[in-house]
N, C-alpha and C. Protein backbone atom coordinates (compact mmCIF):
# COMPACT_ATOMS: atom_id res chain seq x y z
N UNK A 1 -58.72 52.46 -1.98
CA UNK A 1 -59.67 51.51 -2.56
C UNK A 1 -59.94 50.41 -1.54
N UNK A 2 -61.19 50.03 -1.39
CA UNK A 2 -61.57 49.02 -0.44
C UNK A 2 -61.19 47.63 -0.93
N UNK A 3 -60.74 46.79 0.01
CA UNK A 3 -60.40 45.41 -0.33
C UNK A 3 -61.65 44.67 -0.79
N UNK A 4 -61.46 43.79 -1.77
CA UNK A 4 -62.58 42.95 -2.20
C UNK A 4 -62.78 41.80 -1.23
N UNK A 5 -63.90 41.15 -1.34
CA UNK A 5 -64.14 39.94 -0.55
C UNK A 5 -63.04 38.93 -0.73
N UNK A 6 -62.58 38.77 -1.97
CA UNK A 6 -61.51 37.80 -2.28
C UNK A 6 -60.21 38.20 -1.56
N UNK A 7 -59.90 39.49 -1.59
CA UNK A 7 -58.67 39.96 -0.92
C UNK A 7 -58.76 39.69 0.59
N UNK A 8 -59.90 40.00 1.19
CA UNK A 8 -60.07 39.79 2.62
C UNK A 8 -60.00 38.30 2.94
N UNK A 9 -60.61 37.49 2.10
CA UNK A 9 -60.58 36.04 2.32
C UNK A 9 -59.15 35.52 2.22
N UNK A 10 -58.40 35.99 1.21
CA UNK A 10 -57.03 35.53 1.04
C UNK A 10 -56.16 35.97 2.25
N UNK A 11 -56.40 37.14 2.77
CA UNK A 11 -55.66 37.58 3.96
C UNK A 11 -55.99 36.68 5.15
N UNK A 12 -57.23 36.33 5.30
CA UNK A 12 -57.66 35.44 6.39
C UNK A 12 -57.02 34.07 6.22
N UNK A 13 -57.08 33.53 5.01
CA UNK A 13 -56.47 32.22 4.76
C UNK A 13 -54.98 32.26 5.08
N UNK A 14 -54.31 33.27 4.66
CA UNK A 14 -52.86 33.40 4.89
C UNK A 14 -52.54 33.42 6.37
N UNK A 15 -53.38 34.11 7.13
CA UNK A 15 -53.14 34.21 8.57
C UNK A 15 -53.44 32.91 9.29
N UNK A 16 -54.28 32.06 8.73
CA UNK A 16 -54.65 30.81 9.36
C UNK A 16 -53.82 29.62 8.88
N UNK A 17 -53.12 29.81 7.80
CA UNK A 17 -52.34 28.70 7.22
C UNK A 17 -51.02 28.58 7.96
N UNK A 18 -51.05 27.82 9.03
CA UNK A 18 -49.86 27.67 9.88
C UNK A 18 -49.38 26.23 9.84
N UNK A 19 -50.26 25.32 10.17
CA UNK A 19 -49.90 23.93 10.30
C UNK A 19 -49.57 23.27 8.96
N UNK A 20 -50.30 23.63 7.91
CA UNK A 20 -50.13 23.03 6.59
C UNK A 20 -49.53 24.07 5.64
N UNK A 21 -48.40 24.61 6.00
CA UNK A 21 -47.79 25.69 5.19
C UNK A 21 -47.01 25.16 4.01
N UNK A 22 -46.52 23.92 4.07
CA UNK A 22 -45.76 23.35 2.99
C UNK A 22 -46.64 23.22 1.76
N UNK A 23 -46.08 23.49 0.60
CA UNK A 23 -46.83 23.35 -0.65
C UNK A 23 -47.35 21.92 -0.80
N UNK A 24 -46.59 20.93 -0.33
CA UNK A 24 -47.03 19.55 -0.42
C UNK A 24 -48.25 19.30 0.46
N UNK A 25 -48.23 19.88 1.66
CA UNK A 25 -49.40 19.74 2.52
C UNK A 25 -50.63 20.42 1.92
N UNK A 26 -50.43 21.60 1.36
CA UNK A 26 -51.55 22.33 0.76
C UNK A 26 -52.09 21.59 -0.46
N UNK A 27 -51.19 21.06 -1.29
CA UNK A 27 -51.64 20.27 -2.46
C UNK A 27 -52.45 19.06 -2.03
N UNK A 28 -51.97 18.34 -1.04
CA UNK A 28 -52.69 17.15 -0.62
C UNK A 28 -54.01 17.49 0.06
N UNK A 29 -54.06 18.59 0.82
CA UNK A 29 -55.31 19.01 1.43
C UNK A 29 -56.31 19.50 0.37
N UNK A 30 -55.80 20.19 -0.65
CA UNK A 30 -56.65 20.62 -1.74
C UNK A 30 -57.25 19.43 -2.45
N UNK A 31 -56.46 18.41 -2.72
CA UNK A 31 -56.97 17.21 -3.38
C UNK A 31 -57.96 16.51 -2.47
N UNK A 32 -57.69 16.45 -1.19
CA UNK A 32 -58.61 15.83 -0.23
C UNK A 32 -59.95 16.56 -0.22
N UNK A 33 -59.92 17.89 -0.28
CA UNK A 33 -61.20 18.62 -0.28
C UNK A 33 -61.94 18.44 -1.58
N UNK A 34 -61.21 18.26 -2.70
CA UNK A 34 -61.88 17.94 -3.98
C UNK A 34 -62.64 16.63 -3.83
N UNK A 35 -61.99 15.64 -3.23
CA UNK A 35 -62.63 14.34 -3.03
C UNK A 35 -63.84 14.45 -2.09
N UNK A 36 -63.75 15.30 -1.08
CA UNK A 36 -64.85 15.47 -0.16
C UNK A 36 -66.05 16.15 -0.80
N UNK A 37 -65.79 17.07 -1.73
CA UNK A 37 -66.88 17.68 -2.47
C UNK A 37 -67.58 16.61 -3.30
N UNK A 38 -66.78 15.80 -4.02
CA UNK A 38 -67.35 14.73 -4.84
C UNK A 38 -68.13 13.76 -3.96
N UNK A 39 -67.59 13.44 -2.80
CA UNK A 39 -68.24 12.47 -1.91
C UNK A 39 -69.56 13.02 -1.38
N UNK A 40 -69.61 14.30 -1.06
CA UNK A 40 -70.85 14.85 -0.52
C UNK A 40 -71.96 14.84 -1.59
N UNK A 41 -71.59 15.06 -2.84
CA UNK A 41 -72.58 14.99 -3.93
C UNK A 41 -73.03 13.54 -4.10
N UNK A 42 -72.07 12.63 -4.08
CA UNK A 42 -72.39 11.21 -4.22
C UNK A 42 -73.32 10.74 -3.11
N UNK A 43 -73.08 11.17 -1.88
CA UNK A 43 -73.90 10.76 -0.75
C UNK A 43 -75.31 11.36 -0.87
N UNK A 44 -75.44 12.56 -1.41
CA UNK A 44 -76.76 13.14 -1.63
C UNK A 44 -77.58 12.26 -2.55
N UNK A 45 -76.90 11.60 -3.49
CA UNK A 45 -77.59 10.69 -4.43
C UNK A 45 -77.79 9.34 -3.80
N UNK A 46 -76.74 8.74 -3.29
CA UNK A 46 -76.79 7.33 -2.89
C UNK A 46 -77.26 7.07 -1.48
N UNK A 47 -77.05 7.99 -0.56
CA UNK A 47 -77.47 7.78 0.83
C UNK A 47 -78.76 8.51 1.16
N UNK A 48 -78.81 9.80 0.83
CA UNK A 48 -79.98 10.57 1.14
C UNK A 48 -81.09 10.37 0.10
N UNK A 49 -80.71 10.47 -1.15
CA UNK A 49 -81.68 10.33 -2.21
C UNK A 49 -82.35 11.62 -2.62
N UNK A 50 -81.92 12.75 -2.03
CA UNK A 50 -82.54 14.03 -2.41
C UNK A 50 -82.22 14.42 -3.85
N UNK A 51 -81.12 13.88 -4.37
CA UNK A 51 -80.73 14.08 -5.76
C UNK A 51 -80.73 12.77 -6.50
N UNK A 52 -81.00 12.85 -7.79
CA UNK A 52 -80.88 11.69 -8.67
C UNK A 52 -80.08 12.13 -9.88
N UNK A 53 -79.30 11.20 -10.40
CA UNK A 53 -78.55 11.46 -11.63
C UNK A 53 -79.12 10.58 -12.72
N UNK A 54 -79.62 11.21 -13.73
CA UNK A 54 -80.16 10.48 -14.90
C UNK A 54 -79.36 10.99 -16.11
N UNK A 55 -78.29 10.27 -16.40
CA UNK A 55 -77.37 10.73 -17.44
C UNK A 55 -77.57 9.96 -18.72
N UNK A 56 -77.31 10.64 -19.77
CA UNK A 56 -77.35 10.04 -21.10
C UNK A 56 -76.63 10.95 -22.06
N UNK A 57 -76.61 10.52 -23.30
CA UNK A 57 -75.93 11.31 -24.33
C UNK A 57 -76.63 12.64 -24.50
N UNK A 58 -75.83 13.66 -24.70
CA UNK A 58 -76.39 14.99 -24.94
C UNK A 58 -76.68 15.08 -26.46
N UNK A 59 -77.97 15.09 -26.80
CA UNK A 59 -78.37 15.14 -28.20
C UNK A 59 -78.67 16.57 -28.62
N UNK A 60 -78.01 16.98 -29.68
CA UNK A 60 -78.24 18.30 -30.26
C UNK A 60 -78.73 18.12 -31.70
N UNK A 61 -79.79 18.83 -32.06
CA UNK A 61 -80.18 18.81 -33.47
C UNK A 61 -79.02 19.34 -34.31
N UNK A 62 -78.83 18.81 -35.48
CA UNK A 62 -77.68 19.17 -36.30
C UNK A 62 -77.71 20.63 -36.74
N UNK A 63 -78.85 21.25 -36.77
CA UNK A 63 -78.96 22.64 -37.21
C UNK A 63 -78.98 23.62 -36.04
N UNK A 64 -78.55 23.18 -34.85
CA UNK A 64 -78.58 24.04 -33.66
C UNK A 64 -77.54 25.15 -33.77
N UNK A 65 -77.97 26.36 -33.51
CA UNK A 65 -77.06 27.50 -33.46
C UNK A 65 -76.34 27.47 -32.11
N UNK A 66 -75.12 27.96 -32.10
CA UNK A 66 -74.35 27.96 -30.87
C UNK A 66 -75.10 28.64 -29.72
N UNK A 67 -75.75 29.74 -30.02
CA UNK A 67 -76.50 30.49 -29.00
C UNK A 67 -77.61 29.66 -28.37
N UNK A 68 -78.07 28.60 -29.06
CA UNK A 68 -79.20 27.81 -28.59
C UNK A 68 -78.78 26.49 -27.92
N UNK A 69 -77.48 26.20 -27.89
CA UNK A 69 -77.00 24.92 -27.35
C UNK A 69 -77.48 24.67 -25.93
N UNK A 70 -77.47 25.71 -25.11
CA UNK A 70 -77.85 25.50 -23.70
C UNK A 70 -79.29 25.05 -23.54
N UNK A 71 -80.13 25.32 -24.53
CA UNK A 71 -81.52 24.89 -24.48
C UNK A 71 -81.61 23.35 -24.54
N UNK A 72 -80.59 22.71 -25.12
CA UNK A 72 -80.61 21.27 -25.32
C UNK A 72 -79.72 20.49 -24.37
N UNK A 73 -78.89 21.21 -23.61
CA UNK A 73 -77.96 20.53 -22.73
C UNK A 73 -78.62 20.28 -21.36
N UNK A 74 -78.39 19.12 -20.82
CA UNK A 74 -78.99 18.72 -19.56
C UNK A 74 -77.89 18.57 -18.51
N UNK A 75 -78.19 18.94 -17.26
CA UNK A 75 -77.19 18.75 -16.20
C UNK A 75 -77.32 17.38 -15.57
N UNK A 76 -78.29 16.59 -15.98
CA UNK A 76 -78.50 15.20 -15.55
C UNK A 76 -78.91 15.09 -14.11
N UNK A 77 -79.24 16.22 -13.47
CA UNK A 77 -79.67 16.18 -12.07
C UNK A 77 -81.19 16.28 -11.99
N UNK A 78 -81.73 15.47 -11.07
CA UNK A 78 -83.17 15.55 -10.75
C UNK A 78 -83.27 15.72 -9.27
N UNK A 79 -84.21 16.53 -8.83
CA UNK A 79 -84.41 16.81 -7.42
C UNK A 79 -83.59 18.01 -7.01
N UNK A 80 -83.58 18.26 -5.69
CA UNK A 80 -82.85 19.36 -5.11
C UNK A 80 -82.16 18.88 -3.86
N UNK A 81 -81.05 19.51 -3.54
CA UNK A 81 -80.38 19.16 -2.29
C UNK A 81 -81.28 19.48 -1.11
N UNK A 82 -81.40 18.52 -0.21
CA UNK A 82 -82.12 18.77 1.02
C UNK A 82 -81.28 19.70 1.89
N UNK A 83 -81.85 20.32 2.90
CA UNK A 83 -81.07 21.25 3.74
C UNK A 83 -79.82 20.63 4.34
N UNK A 84 -79.87 19.39 4.76
CA UNK A 84 -78.70 18.74 5.37
C UNK A 84 -77.60 18.54 4.32
N UNK A 85 -77.93 18.02 3.17
CA UNK A 85 -76.95 17.80 2.11
C UNK A 85 -76.39 19.13 1.59
N UNK A 86 -77.25 20.13 1.49
CA UNK A 86 -76.79 21.45 1.04
C UNK A 86 -75.78 22.02 2.01
N UNK A 87 -76.05 21.88 3.30
CA UNK A 87 -75.13 22.39 4.32
C UNK A 87 -73.75 21.68 4.23
N UNK A 88 -73.77 20.36 4.05
CA UNK A 88 -72.51 19.62 3.93
C UNK A 88 -71.77 20.03 2.69
N UNK A 89 -72.45 20.13 1.56
CA UNK A 89 -71.78 20.49 0.29
C UNK A 89 -71.22 21.89 0.37
N UNK A 90 -71.96 22.83 0.90
CA UNK A 90 -71.44 24.20 1.04
C UNK A 90 -70.20 24.24 1.92
N UNK A 91 -70.20 23.48 2.97
CA UNK A 91 -69.07 23.42 3.88
C UNK A 91 -67.85 22.83 3.18
N UNK A 92 -68.05 21.74 2.44
CA UNK A 92 -66.94 21.11 1.73
C UNK A 92 -66.40 22.01 0.63
N UNK A 93 -67.28 22.72 -0.06
CA UNK A 93 -66.85 23.66 -1.09
C UNK A 93 -66.05 24.81 -0.45
N UNK A 94 -66.48 25.23 0.72
CA UNK A 94 -65.75 26.28 1.43
C UNK A 94 -64.33 25.85 1.77
N UNK A 95 -64.17 24.62 2.27
CA UNK A 95 -62.85 24.12 2.58
C UNK A 95 -61.99 24.00 1.30
N UNK A 96 -62.64 23.61 0.21
CA UNK A 96 -61.94 23.51 -1.06
C UNK A 96 -61.41 24.87 -1.51
N UNK A 97 -62.25 25.87 -1.38
CA UNK A 97 -61.84 27.24 -1.74
C UNK A 97 -60.70 27.71 -0.82
N UNK A 98 -60.77 27.32 0.44
CA UNK A 98 -59.71 27.67 1.38
C UNK A 98 -58.35 27.19 0.88
N UNK A 99 -58.28 25.91 0.50
CA UNK A 99 -57.00 25.38 0.07
C UNK A 99 -56.59 25.86 -1.31
N UNK A 100 -57.54 26.13 -2.18
CA UNK A 100 -57.21 26.77 -3.47
C UNK A 100 -56.59 28.14 -3.22
N UNK A 101 -57.20 28.88 -2.32
CA UNK A 101 -56.71 30.20 -1.97
C UNK A 101 -55.33 30.11 -1.31
N UNK A 102 -55.14 29.06 -0.52
CA UNK A 102 -53.81 28.86 0.12
C UNK A 102 -52.75 28.64 -0.95
N UNK A 103 -53.07 27.88 -2.01
CA UNK A 103 -52.14 27.70 -3.11
C UNK A 103 -51.82 29.04 -3.78
N UNK A 104 -52.84 29.84 -4.01
CA UNK A 104 -52.62 31.16 -4.58
C UNK A 104 -51.65 31.93 -3.72
N UNK A 105 -51.88 31.92 -2.42
CA UNK A 105 -51.06 32.67 -1.49
C UNK A 105 -49.62 32.19 -1.48
N UNK A 106 -49.43 30.89 -1.46
CA UNK A 106 -48.07 30.34 -1.45
C UNK A 106 -47.26 30.72 -2.67
N UNK A 107 -47.92 30.86 -3.82
CA UNK A 107 -47.23 31.20 -5.04
C UNK A 107 -47.25 32.71 -5.31
N UNK A 108 -47.79 33.48 -4.36
CA UNK A 108 -47.79 34.92 -4.52
C UNK A 108 -48.82 35.45 -5.50
N UNK A 109 -49.85 34.65 -5.77
CA UNK A 109 -50.93 35.09 -6.66
C UNK A 109 -52.04 35.73 -5.85
N UNK A 110 -52.68 36.70 -6.44
CA UNK A 110 -53.85 37.30 -5.86
C UNK A 110 -55.08 36.57 -6.39
N UNK A 111 -55.90 36.09 -5.47
CA UNK A 111 -57.14 35.41 -5.88
C UNK A 111 -58.02 36.36 -6.71
N UNK A 112 -58.08 37.61 -6.31
CA UNK A 112 -58.84 38.61 -7.06
C UNK A 112 -58.30 38.74 -8.49
N UNK A 113 -56.96 38.82 -8.61
CA UNK A 113 -56.36 38.98 -9.93
C UNK A 113 -56.60 37.75 -10.80
N UNK A 114 -56.52 36.57 -10.22
CA UNK A 114 -56.78 35.34 -10.96
C UNK A 114 -58.20 35.31 -11.47
N UNK A 115 -59.15 35.65 -10.61
CA UNK A 115 -60.57 35.65 -11.01
C UNK A 115 -60.80 36.71 -12.09
N UNK A 116 -60.19 37.89 -11.95
CA UNK A 116 -60.37 38.96 -12.94
C UNK A 116 -59.77 38.55 -14.28
N UNK A 117 -58.58 37.95 -14.26
CA UNK A 117 -57.93 37.51 -15.50
C UNK A 117 -58.78 36.43 -16.19
N UNK A 118 -59.32 35.51 -15.41
CA UNK A 118 -60.17 34.48 -16.00
C UNK A 118 -61.45 35.06 -16.57
N UNK A 119 -62.04 36.00 -15.85
CA UNK A 119 -63.25 36.66 -16.35
C UNK A 119 -62.94 37.39 -17.67
N UNK A 120 -61.81 38.09 -17.72
CA UNK A 120 -61.41 38.78 -18.94
C UNK A 120 -61.18 37.80 -20.07
N UNK A 121 -60.54 36.67 -19.79
CA UNK A 121 -60.28 35.65 -20.81
C UNK A 121 -61.62 35.11 -21.34
N UNK A 122 -62.54 34.82 -20.45
CA UNK A 122 -63.86 34.31 -20.87
C UNK A 122 -64.60 35.33 -21.71
N UNK A 123 -64.55 36.59 -21.32
CA UNK A 123 -65.20 37.64 -22.05
C UNK A 123 -64.59 37.80 -23.45
N UNK A 124 -63.27 37.70 -23.52
CA UNK A 124 -62.58 37.88 -24.80
C UNK A 124 -62.83 36.71 -25.75
N UNK A 125 -62.78 35.50 -25.19
CA UNK A 125 -62.95 34.31 -26.03
C UNK A 125 -64.42 34.00 -26.29
N UNK A 126 -65.29 34.42 -25.39
CA UNK A 126 -66.71 34.19 -25.58
C UNK A 126 -67.03 32.75 -25.86
N UNK A 127 -67.75 32.52 -26.94
CA UNK A 127 -68.20 31.18 -27.28
C UNK A 127 -67.06 30.24 -27.63
N UNK A 128 -65.87 30.78 -27.90
CA UNK A 128 -64.75 29.93 -28.25
C UNK A 128 -64.12 29.27 -27.04
N UNK A 129 -64.55 29.67 -25.85
CA UNK A 129 -64.07 29.06 -24.62
C UNK A 129 -64.60 27.63 -24.52
N UNK A 130 -65.86 27.42 -24.91
CA UNK A 130 -66.51 26.11 -24.93
C UNK A 130 -66.34 25.34 -23.64
N UNK A 131 -66.73 25.95 -22.53
CA UNK A 131 -66.66 25.26 -21.25
C UNK A 131 -67.95 24.60 -20.91
């Protein structure tokens, strides 16, 4: 059976994880990359201006069926990432995935198995997941 993209990525991460092999290093780098993802989105709004956040209460009519909730939910984003901001955000998300995968590797988890188990859980719980 051919390796999945996740399996190949995890193998690559494992081979590159030399300097920050300690779980404490990986945890702190993972947290740092979370902050960098947040910061790149913030900068797209506050420095570049390609995105705007217009947030408010999510109002749902009282008779809304669960299947129709997404029609009323807003992501509060206006605009689109410009090419420069998109490139930065994609890069930061990639680094974040790197350190998440490193955590999986350190604990002997397969990224593919984790994603499959979560997909199965979501499929089984369906609307009761409420994410």
